[in-house]
PDB file of N, CA and C in Angstrom:
ATOM      1  N   MET A   1     -31.049  24.105  16.656  1.00  0.00           N
ATOM      2  CA  MET A   1     -30.837  24.294  15.246  1.00  0.00           C
ATOM      3  C   MET A   1     -32.144  24.007  14.515  1.00  0.00           C
ATOM      4  N   THR A   2     -32.494  24.850  13.604  1.00  0.00           N
ATOM      5  CA  THR A   2     -33.717  24.665  12.825  1.00  0.00           C
ATOM      6  C   THR A   2     -33.391  23.971  11.518  1.00  0.00           C
ATOM      7  N   LYS A   3     -34.306  23.183  11.094  1.00  0.00           N
ATOM      8  CA  LYS A   3     -34.132  22.472   9.836  1.00  0.00           C
ATOM      9  C   LYS A   3     -35.297  22.824   8.928  1.00  0.00           C
ATOM     10  N   ARG A   4     -34.988  23.185   7.714  1.00  0.00           N
ATOM     11  CA  ARG A   4     -36.047  23.495   6.753  1.00  0.00           C
ATOM     12  C   ARG A   4     -36.492  22.218   6.076  1.00  0.00           C
ATOM     13  N   TYR A   5     -37.771  22.110   5.921  1.00  0.00           N
ATOM     14  CA  TYR A   5     -38.319  20.930   5.276  1.00  0.00           C
ATOM     15  C   TYR A   5     -38.695  21.272   3.851  1.00  0.00           C
ATOM     16  N   GLY A   6     -38.234  20.476   2.931  1.00  0.00           N
ATOM     17  CA  GLY A   6     -38.570  20.680   1.529  1.00  0.00           C
ATOM     18  C   GLY A   6     -37.735  21.782   0.894  1.00  0.00           C
ATOM     19  N   ALA A   7     -37.786  21.822  -0.395  1.00  0.00           N
ATOM     20  CA  ALA A   7     -37.051  22.836  -1.154  1.00  0.00           C
ATOM     21  C   ALA A   7     -37.927  24.067  -1.335  1.00  0.00           C
ATOM     22  N   PRO A   8     -37.316  25.239  -1.439  1.00  0.00           N
ATOM     23  CA  PRO A   8     -38.127  26.435  -1.687  1.00  0.00           C
ATOM     24  C   PRO A   8     -38.782  26.376  -3.064  1.00  0.00           C
ATOM     25  N   ALA A   9     -39.855  27.096  -3.200  1.00  0.00           N
ATOM     26  CA  ALA A   9     -40.574  27.110  -4.477  1.00  0.00           C
ATOM     27  C   ALA A   9     -39.699  27.714  -5.567  1.00  0.00           C
ATOM     28  N   PRO A  10     -39.746  27.167  -6.772  1.00  0.00           N
ATOM     29  CA  PRO A  10     -38.955  27.742  -7.861  1.00  0.00           C
ATOM     30  C   PRO A  10     -39.482  29.132  -8.223  1.00  0.00           C
ATOM     31  N   MET A  11     -38.553  30.034  -8.516  1.00  0.00           N
ATOM     32  CA  MET A  11     -38.928  31.397  -8.846  1.00  0.00           C
ATOM     33  C   MET A  11     -38.012  31.899  -9.963  1.00  0.00           C
ATOM     34  N   PRO A  12     -38.578  32.490 -11.004  1.00  0.00           N
ATOM     35  CA  PRO A  12     -37.722  33.043 -12.069  1.00  0.00           C
ATOM     36  C   PRO A  12     -36.824  34.146 -11.538  1.00  0.00           C
ATOM     37  N   ASP A  13     -35.619  34.262 -12.114  1.00  0.00           N
ATOM     38  CA  ASP A  13     -34.663  35.272 -11.659  1.00  0.00           C
ATOM     39  C   ASP A  13     -35.198  36.686 -11.814  1.00  0.00           C
ATOM     40  N   SER A  14     -36.018  36.923 -12.830  1.00  0.00           N
ATOM     41  CA  SER A  14     -36.554  38.271 -13.040  1.00  0.00           C
ATOM     42  C   SER A  14     -37.449  38.695 -11.872  1.00  0.00           C
ATOM     43  N   ILE A  15     -38.179  37.763 -11.295  1.00  0.00           N
ATOM     44  CA  ILE A  15     -39.036  38.077 -10.152  1.00  0.00           C
ATOM     45  C   ILE A  15     -38.222  38.082  -8.861  1.00  0.00           C
ATOM     46  N   ARG A  16     -37.281  37.168  -8.748  1.00  0.00           N
ATOM     47  CA  ARG A  16     -36.486  37.046  -7.527  1.00  0.00           C
ATOM     48  C   ARG A  16     -35.770  38.358  -7.202  1.00  0.00           C
ATOM     49  N   HIS A  17     -35.263  39.038  -8.219  1.00  0.00           N
ATOM     50  CA  HIS A  17     -34.544  40.285  -7.973  1.00  0.00           C
ATOM     51  C   HIS A  17     -35.449  41.335  -7.325  1.00  0.00           C
ATOM     52  N   PHE A  18     -36.675  41.459  -7.781  1.00  0.00           N
ATOM     53  CA  PHE A  18     -37.577  42.464  -7.231  1.00  0.00           C
ATOM     54  C   PHE A  18     -38.127  42.074  -5.870  1.00  0.00           C
ATOM     55  N   MET A  19     -38.009  40.808  -5.504  1.00  0.00           N
ATOM     56  CA  MET A  19     -38.494  40.356  -4.207  1.00  0.00           C
ATOM     57  C   MET A  19     -37.447  40.540  -3.106  1.00  0.00           C
ATOM     58  N   ARG A  20     -36.206  40.840  -3.455  1.00  0.00           N
ATOM     59  CA  ARG A  20     -35.156  41.023  -2.462  1.00  0.00           C
ATOM     60  C   ARG A  20     -35.416  42.321  -1.697  1.00  0.00           C
ATOM     61  N   ALA A  21     -35.643  42.224  -0.420  1.00  0.00           N
ATOM     62  CA  ALA A  21     -35.988  43.399   0.377  1.00  0.00           C
ATOM     63  C   ALA A  21     -34.743  44.197   0.751  1.00  0.00           C
ATOM     64  N   GLY A  22     -34.825  45.503   0.581  1.00  0.00           N
ATOM     65  CA  GLY A  22     -33.794  46.380   1.074  1.00  0.00           C
ATOM     66  C   GLY A  22     -32.519  46.463   0.265  1.00  0.00           C
ATOM     67  N   GLN A  23     -32.449  45.861  -0.886  1.00  0.00           N
ATOM     68  CA  GLN A  23     -31.233  45.921  -1.681  1.00  0.00           C
ATOM     69  C   GLN A  23     -31.373  46.962  -2.777  1.00  0.00           C
ATOM     70  N   HIS A  24     -30.290  47.651  -3.045  1.00  0.00           N
ATOM     71  CA  HIS A  24     -30.287  48.624  -4.125  1.00  0.00           C
ATOM     72  C   HIS A  24     -30.360  47.875  -5.455  1.00  0.00           C
ATOM     73  N   PRO A  25     -31.114  48.384  -6.432  1.00  0.00           N
ATOM     74  CA  PRO A  25     -31.217  47.699  -7.728  1.00  0.00           C
ATOM     75  C   PRO A  25     -29.882  47.538  -8.443  1.00  0.00           C
ATOM     76  N   ALA A  26     -28.902  48.356  -8.125  1.00  0.00           N
ATOM     77  CA  ALA A  26     -27.588  48.237  -8.771  1.00  0.00           C
ATOM     78  C   ALA A  26     -26.881  46.946  -8.375  1.00  0.00           C
ATOM     79  N   ARG A  27     -27.293  46.330  -7.281  1.00  0.00           N
ATOM     80  CA  ARG A  27     -26.661  45.072  -6.864  1.00  0.00           C
ATOM     81  C   ARG A  27     -26.998  43.917  -7.788  1.00  0.00           C
ATOM     82  N   SER A  28     -27.889  44.124  -8.739  1.00  0.00           N
ATOM     83  CA  SER A  28     -28.186  43.049  -9.693  1.00  0.00           C
ATOM     84  C   SER A  28     -27.070  42.868 -10.712  1.00  0.00           C
ATOM     85  N   LEU A  29     -26.099  43.794 -10.735  1.00  0.00           N
ATOM     86  CA  LEU A  29     -24.960  43.736 -11.652  1.00  0.00           C
ATOM     87  C   LEU A  29     -23.671  43.565 -10.869  1.00  0.00           C
ATOM     88  N   PRO A  30     -22.659  42.934 -11.457  1.00  0.00           N
ATOM     89  CA  PRO A  30     -21.360  42.870 -10.778  1.00  0.00           C
ATOM     90  C   PRO A  30     -20.723  44.257 -10.709  1.00  0.00           C
ATOM     91  N   CYS A  31     -19.962  44.504  -9.664  1.00  0.00           N
ATOM     92  CA  CYS A  31     -19.345  45.826  -9.480  1.00  0.00           C
ATOM     93  C   CYS A  31     -18.044  45.915 -10.273  1.00  0.00           C
ATOM     94  N   PRO A  32     -17.926  46.915 -11.162  1.00  0.00           N
ATOM     95  CA  PRO A  32     -16.688  47.052 -11.923  1.00  0.00           C
ATOM     96  C   PRO A  32     -15.522  47.595 -11.086  1.00  0.00           C
ATOM     97  N   HIS A  33     -15.804  48.170  -9.910  1.00  0.00           N
ATOM     98  CA  HIS A  33     -14.737  48.745  -9.083  1.00  0.00           C
ATOM     99  C   HIS A  33     -14.089  47.690  -8.193  1.00  0.00           C
ATOM    100  N   CYS A  34     -14.894  46.987  -7.410  1.00  0.00           N
ATOM    101  CA  CYS A  34     -14.313  46.038  -6.459  1.00  0.00           C
ATOM    102  C   CYS A  34     -14.360  44.594  -6.955  1.00  0.00           C
ATOM    103  N   GLY A  35     -15.123  44.329  -8.004  1.00  0.00           N
ATOM    104  CA  GLY A  35     -15.129  43.001  -8.601  1.00  0.00           C
ATOM    105  C   GLY A  35     -16.044  41.977  -7.959  1.00  0.00           C
ATOM    106  N   VAL A  36     -16.903  42.373  -7.025  1.00  0.00           N
ATOM    107  CA  VAL A  36     -17.822  41.390  -6.427  1.00  0.00           C
ATOM    108  C   VAL A  36     -18.897  41.024  -7.442  1.00  0.00           C
ATOM    109  N   GLY A  37     -19.473  39.850  -7.274  1.00  0.00           N
ATOM    110  CA  GLY A  37     -20.485  39.374  -8.198  1.00  0.00           C
ATOM    111  C   GLY A  37     -21.833  40.026  -7.980  1.00  0.00           C
ATOM    112  N   ALA A  38     -22.754  39.685  -8.863  1.00  0.00           N
ATOM    113  CA  ALA A  38     -24.110  40.213  -8.769  1.00  0.00           C
ATOM    114  C   ALA A  38     -24.762  39.772  -7.467  1.00  0.00           C
ATOM    115  N   HIS A  39     -25.613  40.625  -6.923  1.00  0.00           N
ATOM    116  CA  HIS A  39     -26.387  40.395  -5.701  1.00  0.00           C
ATOM    117  C   HIS A  39     -25.514  40.301  -4.452  1.00  0.00           C
ATOM    118  N   LYS A  40     -24.270  40.773  -4.510  1.00  0.00           N
ATOM    119  CA  LYS A  40     -23.400  40.800  -3.337  1.00  0.00           C
ATOM    120  C   LYS A  40     -23.060  42.251  -3.028  1.00  0.00           C
ATOM    121  N   PRO A  41     -22.879  42.589  -1.750  1.00  0.00           N
ATOM    122  CA  PRO A  41     -22.558  43.977  -1.413  1.00  0.00           C
ATOM    123  C   PRO A  41     -21.136  44.344  -1.835  1.00  0.00           C
ATOM    124  N   CYS A  42     -20.942  45.626  -2.145  1.00  0.00           N
ATOM    125  CA  CYS A  42     -19.612  46.121  -2.522  1.00  0.00           C
ATOM    126  C   CYS A  42     -18.675  46.042  -1.320  1.00  0.00           C
ATOM    127  N   GLN A  43     -17.386  45.936  -1.620  1.00  0.00           N
ATOM    128  CA  GLN A  43     -16.363  45.850  -0.589  1.00  0.00           C
ATOM    129  C   GLN A  43     -15.260  46.855  -0.877  1.00  0.00           C
ATOM    130  N   VAL A  44     -14.513  47.188   0.166  1.00  0.00           N
ATOM    131  CA  VAL A  44     -13.313  47.996  -0.007  1.00  0.00           C
ATOM    132  C   VAL A  44     -12.253  47.041  -0.561  1.00  0.00           C
ATOM    133  N   PRO A  45     -11.696  47.333  -1.754  1.00  0.00           N
ATOM    134  CA  PRO A  45     -10.750  46.395  -2.356  1.00  0.00           C
ATOM    135  C   PRO A  45      -9.507  46.112  -1.501  1.00  0.00           C
ATOM    136  N   SER A  46      -9.027  47.070  -0.723  1.00  0.00           N
ATOM    137  CA  SER A  46      -7.782  46.867   0.024  1.00  0.00           C
ATOM    138  C   SER A  46      -7.939  45.974   1.254  1.00  0.00           C
ATOM    139  N   ASN A  47      -9.103  46.044   1.928  1.00  0.00           N
ATOM    140  CA  ASN A  47      -9.238  45.258   3.154  1.00  0.00           C
ATOM    141  C   ASN A  47     -10.475  44.360   3.194  1.00  0.00           C
ATOM    142  N   GLY A  48     -11.340  44.417   2.198  1.00  0.00           N
ATOM    143  CA  GLY A  48     -12.497  43.529   2.146  1.00  0.00           C
ATOM    144  C   GLY A  48     -13.664  43.946   3.018  1.00  0.00           C
ATOM    145  N   ARG A  49     -13.632  45.149   3.595  1.00  0.00           N
ATOM    146  CA  ARG A  49     -14.739  45.606   4.434  1.00  0.00           C
ATOM    147  C   ARG A  49     -15.972  45.817   3.572  1.00  0.00           C
ATOM    148  N   VAL A  50     -17.101  45.326   4.030  1.00  0.00           N
ATOM    149  CA  VAL A  50     -18.358  45.410   3.286  1.00  0.00           C
ATOM    150  C   VAL A  50     -18.940  46.819   3.441  1.00  0.00           C
ATOM    151  N   LEU A  51     -19.405  47.383   2.331  1.00  0.00           N
ATOM    152  CA  LEU A  51     -19.979  48.722   2.323  1.00  0.00           C
ATOM    153  C   LEU A  51     -21.500  48.660   2.360  1.00  0.00           C
ATOM    154  N   ALA A  52     -22.117  49.661   2.934  1.00  0.00           N
ATOM    155  CA  ALA A  52     -23.574  49.719   3.013  1.00  0.00           C
ATOM    156  C   ALA A  52     -24.194  50.115   1.677  1.00  0.00           C
ATOM    157  N   GLU A  53     -23.501  50.955   0.905  1.00  0.00           N
ATOM    158  CA  GLU A  53     -24.010  51.438  -0.380  1.00  0.00           C
ATOM    159  C   GLU A  53     -23.109  50.950  -1.516  1.00  0.00           C
ATOM    160  N   PRO A  54     -23.663  50.792  -2.712  1.00  0.00           N
ATOM    161  CA  PRO A  54     -22.832  50.390  -3.857  1.00  0.00           C
ATOM    162  C   PRO A  54     -21.847  51.491  -4.258  1.00  0.00           C
ATOM    163  N   HIS A  55     -20.761  51.086  -4.906  1.00  0.00           N
ATOM    164  CA  HIS A  55     -19.792  52.054  -5.428  1.00  0.00           C
ATOM    165  C   HIS A  55     -20.442  52.908  -6.517  1.00  0.00           C
ATOM    166  N   PRO A  56     -19.978  54.148  -6.700  1.00  0.00           N
ATOM    167  CA  PRO A  56     -20.522  55.004  -7.761  1.00  0.00           C
ATOM    168  C   PRO A  56     -20.383  54.386  -9.155  1.00  0.00           C
ATOM    169  N   GLN A  57     -19.329  53.610  -9.379  1.00  0.00           N
ATOM    170  CA  GLN A  57     -19.149  52.963 -10.676  1.00  0.00           C
ATOM    171  C   GLN A  57     -20.252  51.924 -10.935  1.00  0.00           C
ATOM    172  N   ARG A  58     -20.704  51.260  -9.881  1.00  0.00           N
ATOM    173  CA  ARG A  58     -21.784  50.279 -10.015  1.00  0.00           C
ATOM    174  C   ARG A  58     -23.108  50.982 -10.299  1.00  0.00           C
ATOM    175  N   LEU A  59     -23.319  52.120  -9.650  1.00  0.00           N
ATOM    176  CA  LEU A  59     -24.532  52.900  -9.904  1.00  0.00           C
ATOM    177  C   LEU A  59     -24.555  53.406 -11.346  1.00  0.00           C
ATOM    178  N   ALA A  60     -23.400  53.872 -11.832  1.00  0.00           N
ATOM    179  CA  ALA A  60     -23.320  54.354 -13.208  1.00  0.00           C
ATOM    180  C   ALA A  60     -23.537  53.221 -14.199  1.00  0.00           C
ATOM    181  N   LEU A  61     -22.999  52.038 -13.909  1.00  0.00           N
ATOM    182  CA  LEU A  61     -23.192  50.886 -14.786  1.00  0.00           C
ATOM    183  C   LEU A  61     -24.665  50.523 -14.880  1.00  0.00           C
ATOM    184  N   ARG A  62     -25.368  50.559 -13.744  1.00  0.00           N
ATOM    185  CA  ARG A  62     -26.801  50.255 -13.765  1.00  0.00           C
ATOM    186  C   ARG A  62     -27.568  51.286 -14.592  1.00  0.00           C
ATOM    187  N   ALA A  63     -27.264  52.566 -14.376  1.00  0.00           N
ATOM    188  CA  ALA A  63     -27.955  53.611 -15.125  1.00  0.00           C
ATOM    189  C   ALA A  63     -27.679  53.470 -16.619  1.00  0.00           C
ATOM    190  N   ARG A  64     -26.438  53.166 -16.984  1.00  0.00           N
ATOM    191  CA  ARG A  64     -26.073  53.003 -18.390  1.00  0.00           C
ATOM    192  C   ARG A  64     -26.742  51.767 -18.991  1.00  0.00           C
ATOM    193  N   THR A  65     -26.967  50.736 -18.192  1.00  0.00           N
ATOM    194  CA  THR A  65     -27.534  49.485 -18.682  1.00  0.00           C
ATOM    195  C   THR A  65     -29.046  49.552 -18.873  1.00  0.00           C
ATOM    196  N   VAL A  66     -29.762  50.250 -17.976  1.00  0.00           N
ATOM    197  CA  VAL A  66     -31.222  50.168 -18.008  1.00  0.00           C
ATOM    198  C   VAL A  66     -31.945  51.393 -18.537  1.00  0.00           C
ATOM    199  N   ALA A  67     -31.262  52.553 -18.643  1.00  0.00           N
ATOM    200  CA  ALA A  67     -31.994  53.780 -18.972  1.00  0.00           C
ATOM    201  C   ALA A  67     -31.424  54.492 -20.197  1.00  0.00           C
ATOM    202  N   CYS A  68     -32.322  55.140 -20.921  1.00  0.00           N
ATOM    203  CA  CYS A  68     -31.907  56.061 -21.979  1.00  0.00           C
ATOM    204  C   CYS A  68     -31.495  57.372 -21.307  1.00  0.00           C
ATOM    205  N   CYS A  69     -30.553  58.090 -21.909  1.00  0.00           N
ATOM    206  CA  CYS A  69     -30.108  59.351 -21.325  1.00  0.00           C
ATOM    207  C   CYS A  69     -30.880  60.509 -21.939  1.00  0.00           C
ATOM    208  N   PRO A  70     -31.640  61.257 -21.131  1.00  0.00           N
ATOM    209  CA  PRO A  70     -32.364  62.416 -21.660  1.00  0.00           C
ATOM    210  C   PRO A  70     -31.436  63.560 -22.077  1.00  0.00           C
ATOM    211  N   ALA A  71     -30.237  63.629 -21.518  1.00  0.00           N
ATOM    212  CA  ALA A  71     -29.324  64.736 -21.816  1.00  0.00           C
ATOM    213  C   ALA A  71     -28.665  64.590 -23.187  1.00  0.00           C
ATOM    214  N   CYS A  72     -28.168  63.390 -23.500  1.00  0.00           N
ATOM    215  CA  CYS A  72     -27.455  63.217 -24.773  1.00  0.00           C
ATOM    216  C   CYS A  72     -28.186  62.293 -25.741  1.00  0.00           C
ATOM    217  N   GLN A  73     -29.378  61.833 -25.359  1.00  0.00           N
ATOM    218  CA  GLN A  73     -30.255  61.059 -26.240  1.00  0.00           C
ATOM    219  C   GLN A  73     -29.619  59.762 -26.750  1.00  0.00           C
ATOM    220  N   VAL A  74     -29.021  58.980 -25.844  1.00  0.00           N
ATOM    221  CA  VAL A  74     -28.478  57.682 -26.224  1.00  0.00           C
ATOM    222  C   VAL A  74     -29.335  56.579 -25.625  1.00  0.00           C
ATOM    223  N   GLU A  75     -29.278  55.421 -26.245  1.00  0.00           N
ATOM    224  CA  GLU A  75     -30.055  54.266 -25.801  1.00  0.00           C
ATOM    225  C   GLU A  75     -29.340  53.552 -24.656  1.00  0.00           C
ATOM    226  N   PRO A  76     -30.039  52.631 -23.974  1.00  0.00           N
ATOM    227  CA  PRO A  76     -29.367  51.848 -22.932  1.00  0.00           C
ATOM    228  C   PRO A  76     -28.154  51.114 -23.506  1.00  0.00           C
ATOM    229  N   THR A  77     -27.170  50.919 -22.690  1.00  0.00           N
ATOM    230  CA  THR A  77     -25.874  50.281 -22.963  1.00  0.00           C
ATOM    231  C   THR A  77     -24.915  51.164 -23.758  1.00  0.00           C
ATOM    232  N   VAL A  78     -25.360  52.311 -24.257  1.00  0.00           N
ATOM    233  CA  VAL A  78     -24.478  53.230 -24.990  1.00  0.00           C
ATOM    234  C   VAL A  78     -23.960  54.262 -23.994  1.00  0.00           C
ATOM    235  N   PRO A  79     -22.639  54.497 -23.941  1.00  0.00           N
ATOM    236  CA  PRO A  79     -22.104  55.475 -22.986  1.00  0.00           C
ATOM    237  C   PRO A  79     -22.570  56.897 -23.285  1.00  0.00           C
ATOM    238  N   CYS A  80     -22.703  57.690 -22.231  1.00  0.00           N
ATOM    239  CA  CYS A  80     -23.059  59.101 -22.395  1.00  0.00           C
ATOM    240  C   CYS A  80     -21.899  59.852 -23.042  1.00  0.00           C
ATOM    241  N   HIS A  81     -22.245  60.931 -23.746  1.00  0.00           N
ATOM    242  CA  HIS A  81     -21.218  61.742 -24.391  1.00  0.00           C
ATOM    243  C   HIS A  81     -21.544  63.211 -24.215  1.00  0.00           C
ATOM    244  N   ASN A  82     -20.533  64.026 -24.388  1.00  0.00           N
ATOM    245  CA  ASN A  82     -20.681  65.474 -24.289  1.00  0.00           C
ATOM    246  C   ASN A  82     -19.917  66.080 -25.460  1.00  0.00           C
ATOM    247  N   GLY A  83     -20.624  66.644 -26.404  1.00  0.00           N
ATOM    248  CA  GLY A  83     -19.981  67.223 -27.573  1.00  0.00           C
ATOM    249  C   GLY A  83     -19.309  66.187 -28.448  1.00  0.00           C
ATOM    250  N   GLY A  84     -19.849  64.983 -28.492  1.00  0.00           N
ATOM    251  CA  GLY A  84     -19.281  63.934 -29.328  1.00  0.00           C
ATOM    252  C   GLY A  84     -18.210  63.101 -28.654  1.00  0.00           C
ATOM    253  N   ARG A  85     -17.790  63.456 -27.432  1.00  0.00           N
ATOM    254  CA  ARG A  85     -16.769  62.698 -26.708  1.00  0.00           C
ATOM    255  C   ARG A  85     -17.412  61.955 -25.551  1.00  0.00           C
ATOM    256  N   VAL A  86     -17.029  60.692 -25.402  1.00  0.00           N
ATOM    257  CA  VAL A  86     -17.549  59.863 -24.320  1.00  0.00           C
ATOM    258  C   VAL A  86     -17.066  60.429 -22.987  1.00  0.00           C
ATOM    259  N   LEU A  87     -17.962  60.460 -21.996  1.00  0.00           N
ATOM    260  CA  LEU A  87     -17.591  60.950 -20.664  1.00  0.00           C
ATOM    261  C   LEU A  87     -16.531  60.041 -20.051  1.00  0.00           C
ATOM    262  N   SER A  88     -15.618  60.625 -19.298  1.00  0.00           N
ATOM    263  CA  SER A  88     -14.485  59.867 -18.748  1.00  0.00           C
ATOM    264  C   SER A  88     -14.916  58.903 -17.652  1.00  0.00           C
ATOM    265  N   ASN A  89     -14.192  57.814 -17.550  1.00  0.00           N
ATOM    266  CA  ASN A  89     -14.367  56.787 -16.506  1.00  0.00           C
ATOM    267  C   ASN A  89     -15.768  56.192 -16.462  1.00  0.00           C
ATOM    268  N   GLY A  90     -16.460  56.135 -17.572  1.00  0.00           N
ATOM    269  CA  GLY A  90     -17.788  55.526 -17.609  1.00  0.00           C
ATOM    270  C   GLY A  90     -18.856  56.342 -16.912  1.00  0.00           C
ATOM    271  N   ALA A  91     -18.634  57.625 -16.718  1.00  0.00           N
ATOM    272  CA  ALA A  91     -19.602  58.484 -16.038  1.00  0.00           C
ATOM    273  C   ALA A  91     -20.863  58.631 -16.891  1.00  0.00           C
ATOM    274  N   VAL A  92     -21.958  58.962 -16.221  1.00  0.00           N
ATOM    275  CA  VAL A  92     -23.225  59.205 -16.912  1.00  0.00           C
ATOM    276  C   VAL A  92     -23.793  60.542 -16.429  1.00  0.00           C
ATOM    277  N   HIS A  93     -24.667  61.132 -17.225  1.00  0.00           N
ATOM    278  CA  HIS A  93     -25.330  62.375 -16.832  1.00  0.00           C
ATOM    279  C   HIS A  93     -26.272  62.112 -15.667  1.00  0.00           C
ATOM    280  N   TYR A  94     -26.457  63.131 -14.819  1.00  0.00           N
ATOM    281  CA  TYR A  94     -27.318  62.951 -13.645  1.00  0.00           C
ATOM    282  C   TYR A  94     -28.762  62.655 -14.037  1.00  0.00           C
ATOM    283  N   GLN A  95     -29.195  63.126 -15.219  1.00  0.00           N
ATOM    284  CA  GLN A  95     -30.555  62.846 -15.668  1.00  0.00           C
ATOM    285  C   GLN A  95     -30.757  61.352 -15.929  1.00  0.00           C
ATOM    286  N   ARG A  96     -29.692  60.657 -16.290  1.00  0.00           N
ATOM    287  CA  ARG A  96     -29.794  59.222 -16.564  1.00  0.00           C
ATOM    288  C   ARG A  96     -30.019  58.442 -15.273  1.00  0.00           C
ATOM    289  N   TYR A  97     -29.423  58.901 -14.160  1.00  0.00           N
ATOM    290  CA  TYR A  97     -29.699  58.275 -12.866  1.00  0.00           C
ATOM    291  C   TYR A  97     -31.182  58.409 -12.523  1.00  0.00           C
ATOM    292  N   THR A  98     -31.732  59.588 -12.734  1.00  0.00           N
ATOM    293  CA  THR A  98     -33.141  59.823 -12.455  1.00  0.00           C
ATOM    294  C   THR A  98     -34.022  58.933 -13.316  1.00  0.00           C
ATOM    295  N   GLU A  99     -33.682  58.827 -14.582  1.00  0.00           N
ATOM    296  CA  GLU A  99     -34.449  57.971 -15.506  1.00  0.00           C
ATOM    297  C   GLU A  99     -34.361  56.506 -15.098  1.00  0.00           C
ATOM    298  N   ALA A 100     -33.201  56.065 -14.655  1.00  0.00           N
ATOM    299  CA  ALA A 100     -33.041  54.657 -14.205  1.00  0.00           C
ATOM    300  C   ALA A 100     -33.883  54.392 -12.963  1.00  0.00           C
ATOM    301  N   ASP A 101     -33.910  55.335 -12.032  1.00  0.00           N
ATOM    302  CA  ASP A 101     -34.738  55.159 -10.837  1.00  0.00           C
ATOM    303  C   ASP A 101     -36.218  55.182 -11.178  1.00  0.00           C
ATOM    304  N   ARG A 102     -36.601  56.005 -12.127  1.00  0.00           N
ATOM    305  CA  ARG A 102     -37.997  56.079 -12.553  1.00  0.00           C
ATOM    306  C   ARG A 102     -38.431  54.788 -13.237  1.00  0.00           C
ATOM    307  N   SER A 103     -37.559  54.201 -14.036  1.00  0.00           N
ATOM    308  CA  SER A 103     -37.923  52.977 -14.752  1.00  0.00           C
ATOM    309  C   SER A 103     -37.999  51.778 -13.799  1.00  0.00           C
ATOM    310  N   ALA A 104     -37.254  51.821 -12.678  1.00  0.00           N
ATOM    311  CA  ALA A 104     -37.290  50.721 -11.728  1.00  0.00           C
ATOM    312  C   ALA A 104     -38.551  50.749 -10.876  1.00  0.00           C
ATOM    313  N   ALA A 105     -39.125  51.922 -10.697  1.00  0.00           N
ATOM    314  CA  ALA A 105     -40.315  52.044  -9.825  1.00  0.00           C
ATOM    315  C   ALA A 105     -41.587  51.646 -10.513  1.00  0.00           C
TER     316      ALA A 105
END
């Protein structure tokens, strides 16, 4: 058994998130579909099986939270709309996903 000596160096949460290797940026938010907390992998709600990729609802939440939508010209945190009506089930335009990925890089 290995024992670690000393406490790890303190690191701000804003930096810690970007230092996590191999995790999708959407994992920084809790999943609205399965209810897992931030920085935890999504699960199948019926049996608890861990998924390799985040749920689409979590991806949409991240895009809505961090990016402006080029299609409907809304600011972050504002839901996308089409003809004045909010898209169903919290969906976002595909251009907003691209913008969110661009802003993360």
